[in-house]
Amino acid sequence: MSEEQNVERRIDPEVHLGTTVVDAVSEATGVPVSQMDSELNQCVDPDALDDLFSDRFDGTPRQGGQLLFSILGCSVQVHGDGRVVVTPE
């Protein structure tokens, strides 16, 4: 994949959000997923990330909001509308 291309994924409520982020960063950088767990933990708490963007207690989806962080030379944007966008810097 070209370094200048964004990788975009949709948040799947059945998949841990940290897994979605790691998969997208792996695709953007070529770094194997197996080498990225500790990298994600150094940037953001994966469980807190999942909790922040999961459905509310009454089952309604959260809307709005955005979290931005960097990992392995990529900018990661997690959007409340269900998108994860990874941009190589």
PDB file of N, CA and C in Angstrom:
ATOM      1  N   MET A   1       0.841  -1.180   0.000  1.00  0.00           N
ATOM      2  CA  MET A   1       0.000   0.000   0.000  1.00  0.00           C
ATOM      3  C   MET A   1       0.877   1.231   0.000  1.00  0.00           C
ATOM      4  N   SER A   2       0.517   2.237  -0.747  1.00  0.00           N
ATOM      5  CA  SER A   2       1.260   3.486  -0.811  1.00  0.00           C
ATOM      6  C   SER A   2       1.225   4.195   0.536  1.00  0.00           C
ATOM      7  N   GLU A   3       2.356   4.803   0.907  1.00  0.00           N
ATOM      8  CA  GLU A   3       2.431   5.492   2.186  1.00  0.00           C
ATOM      9  C   GLU A   3       1.502   6.692   2.249  1.00  0.00           C
ATOM     10  N   GLU A   4       1.056   7.194   1.116  1.00  0.00           N
ATOM     11  CA  GLU A   4       0.239   8.390   1.100  1.00  0.00           C
ATOM     12  C   GLU A   4      -1.256   8.100   1.167  1.00  0.00           C
ATOM     13  N   GLN A   5      -1.639   6.856   1.216  1.00  0.00           N
ATOM     14  CA  GLN A   5      -3.051   6.509   1.232  1.00  0.00           C
ATOM     15  C   GLN A   5      -3.544   6.310   2.653  1.00  0.00           C
ATOM     16  N   ASN A   6      -4.745   6.834   2.908  1.00  0.00           N
ATOM     17  CA  ASN A   6      -5.407   6.596   4.181  1.00  0.00           C
ATOM     18  C   ASN A   6      -5.993   5.195   4.183  1.00  0.00           C
ATOM     19  N   VAL A   7      -6.096   4.629   5.353  1.00  0.00           N
ATOM     20  CA  VAL A   7      -6.804   3.369   5.541  1.00  0.00           C
ATOM     21  C   VAL A   7      -8.022   3.695   6.392  1.00  0.00           C
ATOM     22  N   GLU A   8      -9.188   3.326   5.907  1.00  0.00           N
ATOM     23  CA  GLU A   8     -10.412   3.610   6.650  1.00  0.00           C
ATOM     24  C   GLU A   8     -11.152   2.312   6.936  1.00  0.00           C
ATOM     25  N   ARG A   9     -11.617   2.184   8.155  1.00  0.00           N
ATOM     26  CA  ARG A   9     -12.394   1.023   8.581  1.00  0.00           C
ATOM     27  C   ARG A   9     -13.654   1.512   9.288  1.00  0.00           C
ATOM     28  N   ARG A  10     -14.655   0.668   9.312  1.00  0.00           N
ATOM     29  CA  ARG A  10     -15.878   0.924  10.071  1.00  0.00           C
ATOM     30  C   ARG A  10     -15.765   0.203  11.408  1.00  0.00           C
ATOM     31  N   ILE A  11     -16.257   0.831  12.451  1.00  0.00           N
ATOM     32  CA  ILE A  11     -16.285   0.191  13.761  1.00  0.00           C
ATOM     33  C   ILE A  11     -17.342  -0.900  13.736  1.00  0.00           C
ATOM     34  N   ASP A  12     -16.935  -2.095  14.103  1.00  0.00           N
ATOM     35  CA  ASP A  12     -17.835  -3.243  14.192  1.00  0.00           C
ATOM     36  C   ASP A  12     -18.091  -3.502  15.669  1.00  0.00           C
ATOM     37  N   PRO A  13     -19.332  -3.393  16.129  1.00  0.00           N
ATOM     38  CA  PRO A  13     -19.598  -3.575  17.554  1.00  0.00           C
ATOM     39  C   PRO A  13     -19.246  -4.973  18.071  1.00  0.00           C
ATOM     40  N   GLU A  14     -19.070  -5.925  17.166  1.00  0.00           N
ATOM     41  CA  GLU A  14     -18.716  -7.290  17.565  1.00  0.00           C
ATOM     42  C   GLU A  14     -17.199  -7.485  17.687  1.00  0.00           C
ATOM     43  N   VAL A  15     -16.417  -6.477  17.289  1.00  0.00           N
ATOM     44  CA  VAL A  15     -14.953  -6.565  17.310  1.00  0.00           C
ATOM     45  C   VAL A  15     -14.423  -5.468  18.227  1.00  0.00           C
ATOM     46  N   HIS A  16     -13.485  -5.823  19.090  1.00  0.00           N
ATOM     47  CA  HIS A  16     -12.863  -4.842  19.983  1.00  0.00           C
ATOM     48  C   HIS A  16     -12.277  -3.723  19.130  1.00  0.00           C
ATOM     49  N   LEU A  17     -12.538  -2.483  19.510  1.00  0.00           N
ATOM     50  CA  LEU A  17     -12.075  -1.333  18.724  1.00  0.00           C
ATOM     51  C   LEU A  17     -10.558  -1.304  18.600  1.00  0.00           C
ATOM     52  N   GLY A  18      -9.855  -1.723  19.627  1.00  0.00           N
ATOM     53  CA  GLY A  18      -8.389  -1.785  19.549  1.00  0.00           C
ATOM     54  C   GLY A  18      -7.923  -2.703  18.437  1.00  0.00           C
ATOM     55  N   THR A  19      -8.645  -3.784  18.219  1.00  0.00           N
ATOM     56  CA  THR A  19      -8.312  -4.712  17.132  1.00  0.00           C
ATOM     57  C   THR A  19      -8.505  -4.040  15.781  1.00  0.00           C
ATOM     58  N   THR A  20      -9.577  -3.284  15.638  1.00  0.00           N
ATOM     59  CA  THR A  20      -9.831  -2.560  14.393  1.00  0.00           C
ATOM     60  C   THR A  20      -8.725  -1.550  14.131  1.00  0.00           C
ATOM     61  N   VAL A  21      -8.311  -0.827  15.162  1.00  0.00           N
ATOM     62  CA  VAL A  21      -7.245   0.163  15.024  1.00  0.00           C
ATOM     63  C   VAL A  21      -5.938  -0.518  14.626  1.00  0.00           C
ATOM     64  N   VAL A  22      -5.576  -1.588  15.321  1.00  0.00           N
ATOM     65  CA  VAL A  22      -4.323  -2.301  15.036  1.00  0.00           C
ATOM     66  C   VAL A  22      -4.323  -2.846  13.609  1.00  0.00           C
ATOM     67  N   ASP A  23      -5.437  -3.414  13.179  1.00  0.00           N
ATOM     68  CA  ASP A  23      -5.524  -3.939  11.807  1.00  0.00           C
ATOM     69  C   ASP A  23      -5.325  -2.826  10.775  1.00  0.00           C
ATOM     70  N   ALA A  24      -5.945  -1.680  11.003  1.00  0.00           N
ATOM     71  CA  ALA A  24      -5.823  -0.564  10.055  1.00  0.00           C
ATOM     72  C   ALA A  24      -4.405   0.000  10.040  1.00  0.00           C
ATOM     73  N   VAL A  25      -3.785   0.126  11.213  1.00  0.00           N
ATOM     74  CA  VAL A  25      -2.400   0.626  11.273  1.00  0.00           C
ATOM     75  C   VAL A  25      -1.462  -0.375  10.609  1.00  0.00           C
ATOM     76  N   SER A  26      -1.699  -1.654  10.809  1.00  0.00           N
ATOM     77  CA  SER A  26      -0.892  -2.685  10.164  1.00  0.00           C
ATOM     78  C   SER A  26      -0.970  -2.559   8.650  1.00  0.00           C
ATOM     79  N   GLU A  27      -2.172  -2.361   8.141  1.00  0.00           N
ATOM     80  CA  GLU A  27      -2.340  -2.203   6.696  1.00  0.00           C
ATOM     81  C   GLU A  27      -1.621  -0.955   6.187  1.00  0.00           C
ATOM     82  N   ALA A  28      -1.683   0.134   6.953  1.00  0.00           N
ATOM     83  CA  ALA A  28      -1.060   1.394   6.524  1.00  0.00           C
ATOM     84  C   ALA A  28       0.461   1.356   6.581  1.00  0.00           C
ATOM     85  N   THR A  29       1.020   0.575   7.526  1.00  0.00           N
ATOM     86  CA  THR A  29       2.466   0.597   7.741  1.00  0.00           C
ATOM     87  C   THR A  29       3.192  -0.647   7.257  1.00  0.00           C
ATOM     88  N   GLY A  30       2.465  -1.751   7.123  1.00  0.00           N
ATOM     89  CA  GLY A  30       3.105  -3.008   6.776  1.00  0.00           C
ATOM     90  C   GLY A  30       3.699  -3.724   7.982  1.00  0.00           C
ATOM     91  N   VAL A  31       3.540  -3.169   9.173  1.00  0.00           N
ATOM     92  CA  VAL A  31       4.029  -3.800  10.399  1.00  0.00           C
ATOM     93  C   VAL A  31       3.038  -4.893  10.790  1.00  0.00           C
ATOM     94  N   PRO A  32       3.521  -6.113  11.034  1.00  0.00           N
ATOM     95  CA  PRO A  32       2.602  -7.195  11.397  1.00  0.00           C
ATOM     96  C   PRO A  32       1.827  -6.891  12.677  1.00  0.00           C
ATOM     97  N   VAL A  33       0.584  -7.307  12.707  1.00  0.00           N
ATOM     98  CA  VAL A  33      -0.282  -7.105  13.869  1.00  0.00           C
ATOM     99  C   VAL A  33       0.368  -7.659  15.132  1.00  0.00           C
ATOM    100  N   SER A  34       1.046  -8.779  15.011  1.00  0.00           N
ATOM    101  CA  SER A  34       1.670  -9.428  16.176  1.00  0.00           C
ATOM    102  C   SER A  34       2.711  -8.547  16.862  1.00  0.00           C
ATOM    103  N   GLN A  35       3.217  -7.549  16.159  1.00  0.00           N
ATOM    104  CA  GLN A  35       4.236  -6.658  16.715  1.00  0.00           C
ATOM    105  C   GLN A  35       3.652  -5.344  17.227  1.00  0.00           C
ATOM    106  N   MET A  36       2.326  -5.200  17.187  1.00  0.00           N
ATOM    107  CA  MET A  36       1.746  -3.891  17.486  1.00  0.00           C
ATOM    108  C   MET A  36       0.964  -3.796  18.786  1.00  0.00           C
ATOM    109  N   ASP A  37       0.697  -4.882  19.486  1.00  0.00           N
ATOM    110  CA  ASP A  37      -0.090  -4.795  20.715  1.00  0.00           C
ATOM    111  C   ASP A  37       0.537  -3.858  21.736  1.00  0.00           C
ATOM    112  N   SER A  38       1.838  -3.991  21.957  1.00  0.00           N
ATOM    113  CA  SER A  38       2.490  -3.128  22.943  1.00  0.00           C
ATOM    114  C   SER A  38       2.518  -1.677  22.468  1.00  0.00           C
ATOM    115  N   GLU A  39       2.613  -1.477  21.163  1.00  0.00           N
ATOM    116  CA  GLU A  39       2.594  -0.110  20.620  1.00  0.00           C
ATOM    117  C   GLU A  39       1.272   0.582  20.929  1.00  0.00           C
ATOM    118  N   LEU A  40       0.159  -0.115  20.736  1.00  0.00           N
ATOM    119  CA  LEU A  40      -1.153   0.470  21.015  1.00  0.00           C
ATOM    120  C   LEU A  40      -1.289   0.779  22.499  1.00  0.00           C
ATOM    121  N   ASN A  41      -0.843  -0.123  23.339  1.00  0.00           N
ATOM    122  CA  ASN A  41      -0.940   0.087  24.789  1.00  0.00           C
ATOM    123  C   ASN A  41      -0.134   1.286  25.256  1.00  0.00           C
ATOM    124  N   GLN A  42       0.923   1.652  24.539  1.00  0.00           N
ATOM    125  CA  GLN A  42       1.721   2.813  24.901  1.00  0.00           C
ATOM    126  C   GLN A  42       1.042   4.116  24.500  1.00  0.00           C
ATOM    127  N   CYS A  43       0.108   4.043  23.548  1.00  0.00           N
ATOM    128  CA  CYS A  43      -0.559   5.245  23.041  1.00  0.00           C
ATOM    129  C   CYS A  43      -1.909   5.508  23.691  1.00  0.00           C
ATOM    130  N   VAL A  44      -2.653   4.436  23.913  1.00  0.00           N
ATOM    131  CA  VAL A  44      -4.021   4.585  24.412  1.00  0.00           C
ATOM    132  C   VAL A  44      -4.422   3.284  25.103  1.00  0.00           C
ATOM    133  N   ASP A  45      -5.269   3.386  26.100  1.00  0.00           N
ATOM    134  CA  ASP A  45      -5.792   2.200  26.780  1.00  0.00           C
ATOM    135  C   ASP A  45      -6.851   1.574  25.872  1.00  0.00           C
ATOM    136  N   PRO A  46      -6.590   0.381  25.313  1.00  0.00           N
ATOM    137  CA  PRO A  46      -7.531  -0.223  24.373  1.00  0.00           C
ATOM    138  C   PRO A  46      -8.931  -0.447  24.950  1.00  0.00           C
ATOM    139  N   ASP A  47      -9.017  -0.815  26.232  1.00  0.00           N
ATOM    140  CA  ASP A  47     -10.339  -1.019  26.835  1.00  0.00           C
ATOM    141  C   ASP A  47     -11.083   0.299  26.993  1.00  0.00           C
ATOM    142  N   ALA A  48     -10.381   1.358  27.376  1.00  0.00           N
ATOM    143  CA  ALA A  48     -11.013   2.669  27.492  1.00  0.00           C
ATOM    144  C   ALA A  48     -11.466   3.162  26.115  1.00  0.00           C
ATOM    145  N   LEU A  49     -10.667   2.901  25.094  1.00  0.00           N
ATOM    146  CA  LEU A  49     -11.038   3.274  23.727  1.00  0.00           C
ATOM    147  C   LEU A  49     -12.325   2.568  23.322  1.00  0.00           C
ATOM    148  N   ASP A  50     -12.412   1.293  23.602  1.00  0.00           N
ATOM    149  CA  ASP A  50     -13.603   0.517  23.277  1.00  0.00           C
ATOM    150  C   ASP A  50     -14.820   1.054  24.037  1.00  0.00           C
ATOM    151  N   ASP A  51     -14.643   1.334  25.323  1.00  0.00           N
ATOM    152  CA  ASP A  51     -15.745   1.858  26.138  1.00  0.00           C
ATOM    153  C   ASP A  51     -16.208   3.227  25.649  1.00  0.00           C
ATOM    154  N   LEU A  52     -15.271   4.050  25.241  1.00  0.00           N
ATOM    155  CA  LEU A  52     -15.599   5.410  24.808  1.00  0.00           C
ATOM    156  C   LEU A  52     -16.505   5.433  23.578  1.00  0.00           C
ATOM    157  N   PHE A  53     -16.314   4.476  22.669  1.00  0.00           N
ATOM    158  CA  PHE A  53     -17.067   4.488  21.424  1.00  0.00           C
ATOM    159  C   PHE A  53     -18.128   3.382  21.326  1.00  0.00           C
ATOM    160  N   SER A  54     -18.324   2.626  22.398  1.00  0.00           N
ATOM    161  CA  SER A  54     -19.359   1.591  22.366  1.00  0.00           C
ATOM    162  C   SER A  54     -20.737   2.224  22.574  1.00  0.00           C
ATOM    163  N   ASP A  55     -21.776   1.453  22.315  1.00  0.00           N
ATOM    164  CA  ASP A  55     -23.139   1.945  22.520  1.00  0.00           C
ATOM    165  C   ASP A  55     -23.343   2.344  23.979  1.00  0.00           C
ATOM    166  N   ARG A  56     -24.301   3.233  24.185  1.00  0.00           N
ATOM    167  CA  ARG A  56     -24.651   3.644  25.544  1.00  0.00           C
ATOM    168  C   ARG A  56     -25.277   2.468  26.286  1.00  0.00           C
ATOM    169  N   PHE A  57     -25.451   2.637  27.588  1.00  0.00           N
ATOM    170  CA  PHE A  57     -26.024   1.566  28.405  1.00  0.00           C
ATOM    171  C   PHE A  57     -27.423   1.173  27.948  1.00  0.00           C
ATOM    172  N   ASP A  58     -28.182   2.127  27.371  1.00  0.00           N
ATOM    173  CA  ASP A  58     -29.542   1.796  26.917  1.00  0.00           C
ATOM    174  C   ASP A  58     -29.553   1.203  25.507  1.00  0.00           C
ATOM    175  N   GLY A  59     -28.355   0.984  24.922  1.00  0.00           N
ATOM    176  CA  GLY A  59     -28.254   0.352  23.607  1.00  0.00           C
ATOM    177  C   GLY A  59     -28.225   1.313  22.439  1.00  0.00           C
ATOM    178  N   THR A  60     -28.426   2.598  22.685  1.00  0.00           N
ATOM    179  CA  THR A  60     -28.385   3.566  21.585  1.00  0.00           C
ATOM    180  C   THR A  60     -26.932   3.874  21.232  1.00  0.00           C
ATOM    181  N   PRO A  61     -26.679   4.081  19.943  1.00  0.00           N
ATOM    182  CA  PRO A  61     -25.298   4.364  19.541  1.00  0.00           C
ATOM    183  C   PRO A  61     -24.862   5.764  19.978  1.00  0.00           C
ATOM    184  N   ARG A  62     -23.593   5.871  20.260  1.00  0.00           N
ATOM    185  CA  ARG A  62     -23.029   7.198  20.549  1.00  0.00           C
ATOM    186  C   ARG A  62     -22.839   7.919  19.221  1.00  0.00           C
ATOM    187  N   GLN A  63     -22.988   9.213  19.246  1.00  0.00           N
ATOM    188  CA  GLN A  63     -22.797  10.002  18.031  1.00  0.00           C
ATOM    189  C   GLN A  63     -21.879  11.169  18.352  1.00  0.00           C
ATOM    190  N   GLY A  64     -21.190  11.639  17.323  1.00  0.00           N
ATOM    191  CA  GLY A  64     -20.281  12.753  17.520  1.00  0.00           C
ATOM    192  C   GLY A  64     -19.023  12.307  18.238  1.00  0.00           C
ATOM    193  N   GLY A  65     -18.179  13.248  18.475  1.00  0.00           N
ATOM    194  CA  GLY A  65     -16.937  12.977  19.169  1.00  0.00           C
ATOM    195  C   GLY A  65     -15.866  12.419  18.245  1.00  0.00           C
ATOM    196  N   GLN A  66     -14.643  12.614  18.671  1.00  0.00           N
ATOM    197  CA  GLN A  66     -13.501  12.146  17.888  1.00  0.00           C
ATOM    198  C   GLN A  66     -12.311  12.041  18.821  1.00  0.00           C
ATOM    199  N   LEU A  67     -11.513  11.020  18.621  1.00  0.00           N
ATOM    200  CA  LEU A  67     -10.274  10.852  19.360  1.00  0.00           C
ATOM    201  C   LEU A  67      -9.157  10.761  18.340  1.00  0.00           C
ATOM    202  N   LEU A  68      -8.082  11.497  18.588  1.00  0.00           N
ATOM    203  CA  LEU A  68      -6.949  11.546  17.671  1.00  0.00           C
ATOM    204  C   LEU A  68      -5.688  11.188  18.447  1.00  0.00           C
ATOM    205  N   PHE A  69      -4.897  10.243  17.922  1.00  0.00           N
ATOM    206  CA  PHE A  69      -3.622   9.904  18.537  1.00  0.00           C
ATOM    207  C   PHE A  69      -2.675   9.403  17.449  1.00  0.00           C
ATOM    208  N   SER A  70      -1.399   9.294  17.789  1.00  0.00           N
ATOM    209  CA  SER A  70      -0.382   8.834  16.844  1.00  0.00           C
ATOM    210  C   SER A  70       0.180   7.501  17.299  1.00  0.00           C
ATOM    211  N   ILE A  71       0.488   6.656  16.315  1.00  0.00           N
ATOM    212  CA  ILE A  71       1.102   5.360  16.578  1.00  0.00           C
ATOM    213  C   ILE A  71       1.902   4.957  15.341  1.00  0.00           C
ATOM    214  N   LEU A  72       3.127   4.549  15.548  1.00  0.00           N
ATOM    215  CA  LEU A  72       4.006   4.056  14.472  1.00  0.00           C
ATOM    216  C   LEU A  72       4.042   4.982  13.259  1.00  0.00           C
ATOM    217  N   GLY A  73       4.128   6.267  13.507  1.00  0.00           N
ATOM    218  CA  GLY A  73       4.218   7.224  12.410  1.00  0.00           C
ATOM    219  C   GLY A  73       2.913   7.466  11.678  1.00  0.00           C
ATOM    220  N   CYS A  74       1.808   7.105  12.290  1.00  0.00           N
ATOM    221  CA  CYS A  74       0.490   7.317  11.683  1.00  0.00           C
ATOM    222  C   CYS A  74      -0.386   8.138  12.619  1.00  0.00           C
ATOM    223  N   SER A  75      -1.222   8.943  12.024  1.00  0.00           N
ATOM    224  CA  SER A  75      -2.262   9.642  12.760  1.00  0.00           C
ATOM    225  C   SER A  75      -3.509   8.763  12.712  1.00  0.00           C
ATOM    226  N   VAL A  76      -4.092   8.486  13.876  1.00  0.00           N
ATOM    227  CA  VAL A  76      -5.298   7.662  13.967  1.00  0.00           C
ATOM    228  C   VAL A  76      -6.438   8.539  14.444  1.00  0.00           C
ATOM    229  N   GLN A  77      -7.519   8.539  13.684  1.00  0.00           N
ATOM    230  CA  GLN A  77      -8.725   9.269  14.067  1.00  0.00           C
ATOM    231  C   GLN A  77      -9.845   8.257  14.257  1.00  0.00           C
ATOM    232  N   VAL A  78     -10.427   8.258  15.449  1.00  0.00           N
ATOM    233  CA  VAL A  78     -11.582   7.419  15.725  1.00  0.00           C
ATOM    234  C   VAL A  78     -12.766   8.374  15.857  1.00  0.00           C
ATOM    235  N   HIS A  79     -13.757   8.188  15.014  1.00  0.00           N
ATOM    236  CA  HIS A  79     -14.903   9.088  14.948  1.00  0.00           C
ATOM    237  C   HIS A  79     -16.140   8.443  15.566  1.00  0.00           C
ATOM    238  N   GLY A  80     -16.941   9.267  16.205  1.00  0.00           N
ATOM    239  CA  GLY A  80     -18.182   8.800  16.795  1.00  0.00           C
ATOM    240  C   GLY A  80     -19.189   8.302  15.784  1.00  0.00           C
ATOM    241  N   ASP A  81     -18.990   8.624  14.509  1.00  0.00           N
ATOM    242  CA  ASP A  81     -19.915   8.139  13.476  1.00  0.00           C
ATOM    243  C   ASP A  81     -19.554   6.735  12.994  1.00  0.00           C
ATOM    244  N   GLY A  82     -18.543   6.114  13.629  1.00  0.00           N
ATOM    245  CA  GLY A  82     -18.216   4.731  13.316  1.00  0.00           C
ATOM    246  C   GLY A  82     -17.028   4.529  12.406  1.00  0.00           C
ATOM    247  N   ARG A  83     -16.266   5.562  12.135  1.00  0.00           N
ATOM    248  CA  ARG A  83     -15.104   5.434  11.252  1.00  0.00           C
ATOM    249  C   ARG A  83     -13.805   5.448  12.039  1.00  0.00           C
ATOM    250  N   VAL A  84     -12.848   4.657  11.564  1.00  0.00           N
ATOM    251  CA  VAL A  84     -11.466   4.713  12.020  1.00  0.00           C
ATOM    252  C   VAL A  84     -10.643   5.061  10.785  1.00  0.00           C
ATOM    253  N   VAL A  85      -9.896   6.165  10.848  1.00  0.00           N
ATOM    254  CA  VAL A  85      -9.093   6.604   9.710  1.00  0.00           C
ATOM    255  C   VAL A  85      -7.636   6.679  10.150  1.00  0.00           C
ATOM    256  N   VAL A  86      -6.775   5.962   9.431  1.00  0.00           N
ATOM    257  CA  VAL A  86      -5.341   5.947   9.714  1.00  0.00           C
ATOM    258  C   VAL A  86      -4.637   6.634   8.555  1.00  0.00           C
ATOM    259  N   THR A  87      -3.857   7.660   8.873  1.00  0.00           N
ATOM    260  CA  THR A  87      -3.139   8.439   7.872  1.00  0.00           C
ATOM    261  C   THR A  87      -1.641   8.376   8.167  1.00  0.00           C
ATOM    262  N   PRO A  88      -0.856   7.767   7.283  1.00  0.00           N
ATOM    263  CA  PRO A  88       0.599   7.812   7.484  1.00  0.00           C
ATOM    264  C   PRO A  88       1.072   9.262   7.487  1.00  0.00           C
ATOM    265  N   GLU A  89       1.935   9.593   8.449  1.00  0.00           N
ATOM    266  CA  GLU A  89       2.416  10.981   8.552  1.00  0.00           C
ATOM    267  C   GLU A  89       3.630  11.197   7.681  1.00  0.00           C
TER     268      GLU A  89
END
